[in-house]
Amino acid sequence: MQHHPGTAALKKILIVTDAWEPQVNGVVRTLKMTRRELELMGHQVGFLSPLEFRSFPCPTYPEISLAFTTQRNVAKHIDAFAPDCLHIATEGPLGWLARNIAIERGWAFTTAYHSRFPEYLHARFRIPTRISYSFLRKFHNAARFNLTPTPSIVEDLRQRGFNNPRLWTRGVDFDMFRPDGPKIERGEGPIFLHVGRLAVEKQVDEFLKLDLPGEKWVAGDGPERERLHKQYPNVRWFGVLDGASLAKLYRTADVFVFTSITDTFGLVMLEAMACGTPVAAFPVAGPIDVVKPPQAGILDKDLRRACLAALNTPRAGVLEHAATFNWTLASQQLFSALQPINGAKS
């Protein structure tokens, strides 16, 4: 890869994240795959996560642990690693503390915008998005670059007054998610699959209420699980699955249905496409950039129409499109944005 002047020596990269194990989500998968790629490039990558501190479950989102600690304690952990550059991946308690430390010390750093929290908070608590965006602007505008996964979100953030939004795309593990491999026993009718957290902001009902032929399969867990299981008894529920089991589901399904309008990317769509399965989704940020219809799926405000049309999408074209995403390219984008903490421009 091409190194920018002044970045070639960057070897010790510290990533601060409030999202980490045991969570299973796109942010955690993205950070793990990025570490793998950066280490293959010869860099040393450290994580500062809630695992290092006392923590408490996030209200209404108990799988997420929020670190309960002080700025001084976070500074000690940062100094123990002695990073050459600092990347703050999330806007949670650890992210804010690390940001404040960096500002006090005059360090340059980068941030990432992984989730559309204003829309998420509005869906869940009716908090006006202008309040949330104001809070997030303050967080991200202190960074040299704010990295986000699709061109649509880059443009959206720019229009909302965020400084220096920059593209950091995503990849997929093609060793794990591939079209050939074991499948699940199935019937004759088409299978429509949804994978994701069972929570209000994911809008799973938008899929489950549709009148579709064949079967509806759902993998994932979350606060809406009990209600959804009761309301839709004819759905086949799989719970939380590991990568190999997910790959089986993806390659068995005929269409992958993505209902969220608050995701910045939607890594599960890419995993499904890497298994050859076309996507049906709404025409919103995330799917617009990831699916690029009609080659890899169908986007329509009428989700039922998208699902039925996606049944006719050739799997060869879906695979060809999925191959345009890779973690090496994505990690090089992140690396080229990283800053020496002493603030020397790269």
Protein backbone atom coordinates (compact mmCIF):
# COMPACT_ATOMS: atom_id res chain seq x y z
CA MET A 1 0.00 0.00 0.00
CA GLN A 2 1.02 3.60 -0.38
CA HIS A 3 1.99 5.21 2.90
CA HIS A 4 1.49 8.91 3.36
CA PRO A 5 4.62 10.77 4.40
CA GLY A 6 4.88 10.61 8.15
CA THR A 7 2.64 7.55 8.55
CA ALA A 8 5.04 4.83 7.41
CA ALA A 9 6.43 4.46 10.94
CA LEU A 10 3.02 4.24 12.64
CA LYS A 11 3.14 0.85 14.26
CA LYS A 12 1.29 1.01 17.57
CA ILE A 13 -2.38 1.67 16.96
CA LEU A 14 -4.75 1.94 19.92
CA ILE A 15 -8.46 1.51 19.21
CA VAL A 16 -10.84 2.63 21.95
CA THR A 17 -14.25 0.98 21.76
CA ASP A 18 -17.32 0.69 23.96
CA ALA A 19 -18.55 -2.15 21.71
CA TRP A 20 -16.68 -5.40 22.29
CA GLU A 21 -17.06 -9.03 23.30
CA PRO A 22 -19.31 -10.73 24.19
CA GLN A 23 -21.41 -8.60 21.80
CA VAL A 24 -22.04 -10.08 18.37
CA ASN A 25 -22.59 -7.22 15.93
CA GLY A 26 -21.20 -5.41 12.90
CA VAL A 27 -19.04 -3.01 14.92
CA VAL A 28 -17.28 -5.81 16.81
CA ARG A 29 -16.80 -7.87 13.61
CA THR A 30 -15.45 -4.80 11.80
CA LEU A 31 -12.90 -4.07 14.55
CA LYS A 32 -11.72 -7.68 14.76
CA MET A 33 -11.23 -7.99 11.01
CA THR A 34 -9.48 -4.60 10.91
CA ARG A 35 -7.07 -5.72 13.63
CA ARG A 36 -6.30 -8.87 11.63
CA GLU A 37 -5.51 -6.84 8.50
CA LEU A 38 -3.45 -4.19 10.30
CA GLU A 39 -1.41 -6.90 12.02
CA LEU A 40 -0.82 -8.56 8.65
CA MET A 41 0.57 -5.17 7.50
CA GLY A 42 3.02 -5.34 10.40
CA HIS A 43 1.36 -2.98 12.87
CA GLN A 44 0.66 -3.59 16.54
CA VAL A 45 -3.00 -3.10 17.46
CA GLY A 46 -4.33 -2.70 20.99
CA PHE A 47 -7.92 -2.39 22.17
CA LEU A 48 -9.22 -0.45 25.12
CA SER A 49 -12.70 -1.84 25.85
CA PRO A 50 -15.12 -2.27 28.78
CA LEU A 51 -13.39 -5.61 29.53
CA GLU A 52 -10.58 -3.58 31.17
CA PHE A 53 -12.90 -1.85 33.65
CA ARG A 54 -15.81 -2.34 35.97
CA SER A 55 -18.90 -2.03 33.84
CA PHE A 56 -22.68 -2.00 33.98
CA PRO A 57 -25.28 -3.10 31.42
CA CYS A 58 -26.58 -0.38 29.13
CA PRO A 59 -30.21 0.49 29.95
CA THR A 60 -32.57 -1.20 27.43
CA TYR A 61 -29.57 -2.78 25.67
CA PRO A 62 -28.12 -5.14 28.35
CA GLU A 63 -25.72 -6.98 26.01
CA ILE A 64 -23.69 -3.77 25.86
CA SER A 65 -21.46 -3.18 28.87
CA LEU A 66 -20.69 0.45 29.64
CA ALA A 67 -17.37 1.07 31.39
CA PHE A 68 -17.62 2.67 34.81
CA THR A 69 -14.28 4.41 35.26
CA THR A 70 -12.44 7.73 35.44
CA GLN A 71 -10.48 9.78 32.94
CA ARG A 72 -7.35 9.23 35.01
CA ASN A 73 -7.78 5.46 34.86
CA VAL A 74 -8.33 5.52 31.08
CA ALA A 75 -5.22 7.70 30.70
CA LYS A 76 -3.18 5.09 32.60
CA HIS A 77 -4.30 2.36 30.20
CA ILE A 78 -3.54 4.54 27.17
CA ASP A 79 -0.06 5.39 28.50
CA ALA A 80 0.66 1.74 29.29
CA PHE A 81 0.14 0.92 25.61
CA ALA A 82 2.01 4.07 24.47
CA PRO A 83 0.32 4.38 21.06
CA ASP A 84 1.69 6.07 17.98
CA CYS A 85 -1.89 6.86 16.95
CA LEU A 86 -5.32 6.78 18.50
CA HIS A 87 -8.60 5.75 16.91
CA ILE A 88 -11.83 6.18 18.88
CA ALA A 89 -14.42 3.78 17.49
CA THR A 90 -17.52 4.59 19.54
CA GLU A 91 -19.28 7.50 21.20
CA GLY A 92 -19.84 5.73 24.56
CA PRO A 93 -18.26 6.48 27.99
CA LEU A 94 -14.80 5.17 26.99
CA GLY A 95 -14.92 7.06 23.70
CA TRP A 96 -15.69 10.36 25.43
CA LEU A 97 -13.02 9.88 28.10
CA ALA A 98 -10.37 9.02 25.48
CA ARG A 99 -11.47 12.01 23.37
CA ASN A 100 -11.13 14.35 26.37
CA ILE A 101 -7.66 13.00 27.18
CA ALA A 102 -6.53 13.47 23.57
CA ILE A 103 -7.84 17.06 23.48
CA GLU A 104 -6.16 17.95 26.79
CA ARG A 105 -2.85 16.58 25.51
CA GLY A 106 -3.15 18.18 22.08
CA TRP A 107 -3.14 14.78 20.38
CA ALA A 108 -4.49 14.25 16.89
CA PHE A 109 -6.94 11.33 16.64
CA THR A 110 -9.61 9.81 14.41
CA THR A 111 -13.16 8.72 15.23
CA ALA A 112 -15.70 6.45 13.54
CA TYR A 113 -19.42 6.78 12.95
CA HIS A 114 -20.69 3.18 12.99
CA SER A 115 -24.35 3.61 13.92
CA ARG A 116 -27.06 6.16 13.21
CA PHE A 117 -27.69 6.71 16.91
CA PRO A 118 -29.92 9.80 16.44
CA GLU A 119 -32.39 7.73 14.39
CA TYR A 120 -31.99 4.79 16.79
CA LEU A 121 -32.69 6.99 19.85
CA HIS A 122 -35.65 8.55 18.09
CA ALA A 123 -37.09 5.12 17.21
CA ARG A 124 -36.69 3.92 20.78
CA PHE A 125 -37.20 6.97 23.00
CA ARG A 126 -38.56 9.66 20.63
CA ILE A 127 -35.55 11.90 21.38
CA PRO A 128 -35.45 14.59 18.63
CA THR A 129 -32.65 13.81 16.18
CA ARG A 130 -31.39 17.42 16.20
CA ILE A 131 -30.41 17.01 19.88
CA SER A 132 -28.55 13.75 19.24
CA TYR A 133 -26.80 15.11 16.14
CA SER A 134 -25.64 18.17 18.09
CA PHE A 135 -24.13 15.84 20.72
CA LEU A 136 -22.42 13.71 18.04
CA ARG A 137 -21.08 16.74 16.14
CA LYS A 138 -19.35 17.87 19.31
CA PHE A 139 -17.80 14.41 19.72
CA HIS A 140 -16.61 13.88 16.13
CA ASN A 141 -15.63 17.43 15.16
CA ALA A 142 -12.69 17.30 17.60
CA ALA A 143 -11.17 14.52 15.46
CA ARG A 144 -8.92 14.96 12.42
CA PHE A 145 -11.15 12.58 10.45
CA ASN A 146 -14.51 10.96 11.15
CA LEU A 147 -14.65 7.61 9.34
CA THR A 148 -17.92 6.13 8.14
CA PRO A 149 -18.71 3.20 5.85
CA THR A 150 -20.65 4.49 2.83
CA PRO A 151 -20.57 7.50 0.49
CA SER A 152 -24.22 8.28 1.36
CA ILE A 153 -23.41 8.60 5.07
CA VAL A 154 -20.26 10.66 4.32
CA GLU A 155 -22.46 13.12 2.41
CA ASP A 156 -25.21 13.05 5.04
CA LEU A 157 -22.73 13.89 7.82
CA ARG A 158 -21.15 16.66 5.74
CA GLN A 159 -24.58 18.25 5.24
CA ARG A 160 -25.25 18.00 8.98
CA GLY A 161 -22.14 20.03 9.81
CA PHE A 162 -19.66 17.26 10.62
CA ASN A 163 -16.04 18.16 9.80
CA ASN A 164 -13.94 15.88 7.61
CA PRO A 165 -16.16 12.81 7.23
CA ARG A 166 -14.18 10.23 5.29
CA LEU A 167 -14.93 6.85 3.75
CA TRP A 168 -13.89 3.68 5.56
CA THR A 169 -15.68 0.86 3.78
CA ARG A 170 -16.18 -2.73 4.96
CA GLY A 171 -15.19 -6.18 3.83
CA VAL A 172 -16.31 -9.74 4.30
CA ASP A 173 -14.55 -12.93 5.40
CA PHE A 174 -14.71 -14.91 2.15
CA ASP A 175 -13.22 -17.99 3.83
CA MET A 176 -16.25 -18.13 6.12
CA PHE A 177 -18.97 -16.67 3.92
CA ARG A 178 -18.90 -18.43 0.56
CA PRO A 179 -21.48 -20.03 -1.74
CA ASP A 180 -20.15 -23.59 -1.52
CA GLY A 181 -20.47 -25.43 1.76
CA PRO A 182 -23.05 -27.11 3.98
CA LYS A 183 -26.67 -26.01 3.87
CA ILE A 184 -29.71 -26.57 6.10
CA GLU A 185 -32.41 -29.04 5.15
CA ARG A 186 -35.32 -27.15 3.65
CA GLY A 187 -38.66 -27.50 1.92
CA GLU A 188 -39.63 -26.66 -1.64
CA GLY A 189 -40.92 -23.11 -1.17
CA PRO A 190 -38.68 -20.03 -1.18
CA ILE A 191 -36.89 -19.07 2.04
CA PHE A 192 -36.69 -15.43 3.11
CA LEU A 193 -34.08 -14.81 5.80
CA HIS A 194 -33.47 -11.97 8.26
CA VAL A 195 -30.36 -11.80 10.46
CA GLY A 196 -29.98 -9.12 13.10
CA ARG A 197 -30.83 -7.83 16.50
CA LEU A 198 -34.48 -8.20 17.49
CA ALA A 199 -35.02 -4.59 18.53
CA VAL A 200 -37.42 -1.81 17.63
CA GLU A 201 -34.90 0.16 15.55
CA LYS A 202 -34.30 -2.87 13.28
CA GLN A 203 -37.98 -2.92 12.22
CA VAL A 204 -38.16 -6.73 11.95
CA ASP A 205 -41.98 -6.49 11.86
CA GLU A 206 -41.69 -4.87 8.43
CA PHE A 207 -40.52 -8.27 7.17
CA LEU A 208 -42.53 -10.60 9.38
CA LYS A 209 -45.91 -9.02 8.57
CA LEU A 210 -45.47 -9.50 4.81
CA ASP A 211 -47.56 -11.98 2.87
CA LEU A 212 -44.84 -14.04 1.17
CA PRO A 213 -44.70 -17.55 -0.28
CA GLY A 214 -42.54 -20.22 1.38
CA GLU A 215 -40.91 -19.70 4.77
CA LYS A 216 -39.55 -16.87 6.89
CA TRP A 217 -36.37 -17.58 8.87
CA VAL A 218 -34.87 -15.25 11.49
CA ALA A 219 -31.51 -15.40 13.31
CA GLY A 220 -30.66 -13.07 16.17
CA ASP A 221 -31.78 -12.09 19.65
CA GLY A 222 -32.78 -8.92 21.50
CA PRO A 223 -35.39 -7.19 23.63
CA GLU A 224 -38.21 -7.78 21.11
CA ARG A 225 -37.68 -11.55 21.01
CA GLU A 226 -40.59 -12.60 23.25
CA ARG A 227 -43.14 -10.37 21.53
CA LEU A 228 -42.02 -11.37 18.03
CA HIS A 229 -42.04 -15.11 18.85
CA LYS A 230 -45.62 -14.82 20.15
CA GLN A 231 -46.86 -12.60 17.36
CA TYR A 232 -45.33 -14.63 14.52
CA PRO A 233 -45.54 -18.33 15.52
CA ASN A 234 -45.06 -19.55 11.93
CA VAL A 235 -41.57 -18.06 11.63
CA ARG A 236 -38.55 -20.35 12.08
CA TRP A 237 -36.34 -18.82 14.81
CA PHE A 238 -32.62 -19.60 15.06
CA GLY A 239 -31.33 -17.37 17.88
CA VAL A 240 -27.74 -16.11 17.89
CA LEU A 241 -25.40 -18.12 15.64
CA ASP A 242 -21.65 -18.28 15.09
CA GLY A 243 -20.14 -17.44 11.70
CA ALA A 244 -20.12 -20.99 10.29
CA SER A 245 -23.79 -21.55 11.25
CA LEU A 246 -24.75 -18.15 9.82
CA ALA A 247 -23.02 -19.01 6.55
CA LYS A 248 -25.16 -22.18 6.33
CA LEU A 249 -28.30 -20.06 6.74
CA TYR A 250 -27.22 -17.46 4.19
CA ARG A 251 -26.43 -20.01 1.49
CA THR A 252 -29.65 -21.98 2.12
CA ALA A 253 -31.90 -18.91 1.82
CA ASP A 254 -33.27 -17.61 -1.47
CA VAL A 255 -33.50 -13.95 -0.39
CA PHE A 256 -31.92 -12.02 2.47
CA VAL A 257 -34.33 -9.39 3.82
CA PHE A 258 -32.84 -6.28 5.47
CA THR A 259 -35.36 -4.04 7.24
CA SER A 260 -33.25 -1.50 9.15
CA ILE A 261 -33.20 2.15 8.13
CA THR A 262 -30.78 3.19 10.93
CA ASP A 263 -27.69 1.15 9.95
CA THR A 264 -24.76 2.95 8.33
CA PHE A 265 -23.73 -0.15 6.37
CA GLY A 266 -25.38 -3.47 7.25
CA LEU A 267 -22.55 -6.00 7.31
CA VAL A 268 -25.05 -8.88 7.29
CA MET A 269 -26.10 -7.88 3.74
CA LEU A 270 -22.52 -8.28 2.59
CA GLU A 271 -22.19 -11.66 4.33
CA ALA A 272 -25.36 -12.86 2.61
CA MET A 273 -24.16 -11.61 -0.79
CA ALA A 274 -20.80 -13.37 -0.30
CA CYS A 275 -22.83 -16.59 -0.03
CA GLY A 276 -24.62 -15.70 -3.29
CA THR A 277 -27.91 -14.68 -1.68
CA PRO A 278 -29.62 -11.58 -3.13
CA VAL A 279 -30.86 -8.82 -0.81
CA ALA A 280 -34.28 -7.20 -0.52
CA ALA A 281 -34.27 -3.89 1.39
CA PHE A 282 -35.61 -0.36 1.56
CA PRO A 283 -33.91 2.28 -0.68
CA VAL A 284 -32.07 4.04 2.18
CA ALA A 285 -28.47 4.82 3.17
CA GLY A 286 -26.67 1.53 3.75
CA PRO A 287 -28.49 -0.67 1.21
CA ILE A 288 -28.16 2.01 -1.52
CA ASP A 289 -24.35 1.79 -1.35
CA VAL A 290 -23.94 -1.85 -0.32
CA VAL A 291 -26.41 -3.63 -2.62
CA LYS A 292 -26.11 -1.40 -5.72
CA PRO A 293 -29.29 -2.78 -7.32
CA PRO A 294 -30.23 -4.61 -9.44
CA GLN A 295 -27.05 -6.74 -9.58
CA ALA A 296 -27.04 -7.92 -5.97
CA GLY A 297 -30.67 -7.42 -5.01
CA ILE A 298 -33.73 -5.20 -5.13
CA LEU A 299 -34.47 -2.00 -3.19
CA ASP A 300 -38.08 -0.83 -3.02
CA LYS A 301 -40.25 1.18 -0.61
CA ASP A 302 -42.64 -1.76 -1.01
CA LEU A 303 -40.62 -4.46 0.77
CA ARG A 304 -42.88 -7.30 -0.40
CA ARG A 305 -42.30 -6.28 -4.01
CA ALA A 306 -38.54 -6.17 -3.35
CA CYS A 307 -38.62 -9.67 -1.80
CA LEU A 308 -40.51 -11.21 -4.70
CA ALA A 309 -38.36 -9.48 -7.35
CA ALA A 310 -35.16 -10.55 -5.57
CA LEU A 311 -36.16 -14.20 -6.08
CA ASN A 312 -35.26 -13.70 -9.75
CA THR A 313 -31.84 -12.12 -9.12
CA PRO A 314 -29.08 -14.39 -10.53
CA ARG A 315 -26.74 -15.56 -7.76
CA ALA A 316 -23.65 -15.26 -10.01
CA GLY A 317 -24.13 -11.48 -10.24
CA VAL A 318 -24.59 -11.24 -6.47
CA LEU A 319 -21.26 -13.03 -5.90
CA GLU A 320 -19.51 -10.80 -8.43
CA HIS A 321 -20.70 -7.69 -6.59
CA ALA A 322 -19.76 -9.06 -3.15
CA ALA A 323 -16.20 -9.62 -4.40
CA THR A 324 -15.74 -5.85 -4.81
CA PHE A 325 -15.59 -5.49 -1.01
CA ASN A 326 -12.54 -6.67 0.93
CA TRP A 327 -11.06 -6.11 4.38
CA THR A 328 -7.58 -5.36 3.04
CA LEU A 329 -8.83 -2.35 1.08
CA ALA A 330 -11.03 -1.26 4.00
CA SER A 331 -8.15 -1.46 6.49
CA GLN A 332 -5.86 0.49 4.16
CA GLN A 333 -8.50 3.25 4.09
CA LEU A 334 -8.46 3.35 7.89
CA PHE A 335 -4.67 3.29 8.03
CA SER A 336 -4.31 6.15 5.56
CA ALA A 337 -6.57 8.29 7.78
CA LEU A 338 -4.72 7.57 11.05
CA GLN A 339 -2.75 10.44 12.57
CA PRO A 340 0.47 10.53 14.61
CA ILE A 341 -0.72 11.57 18.06
CA ASN A 342 1.80 14.41 18.17
CA GLY A 343 -0.39 16.12 15.59
CA ALA A 344 2.11 16.19 12.70
CA LYS A 345 -0.10 16.16 9.60
CA SER A 346 0.19 13.02 7.53
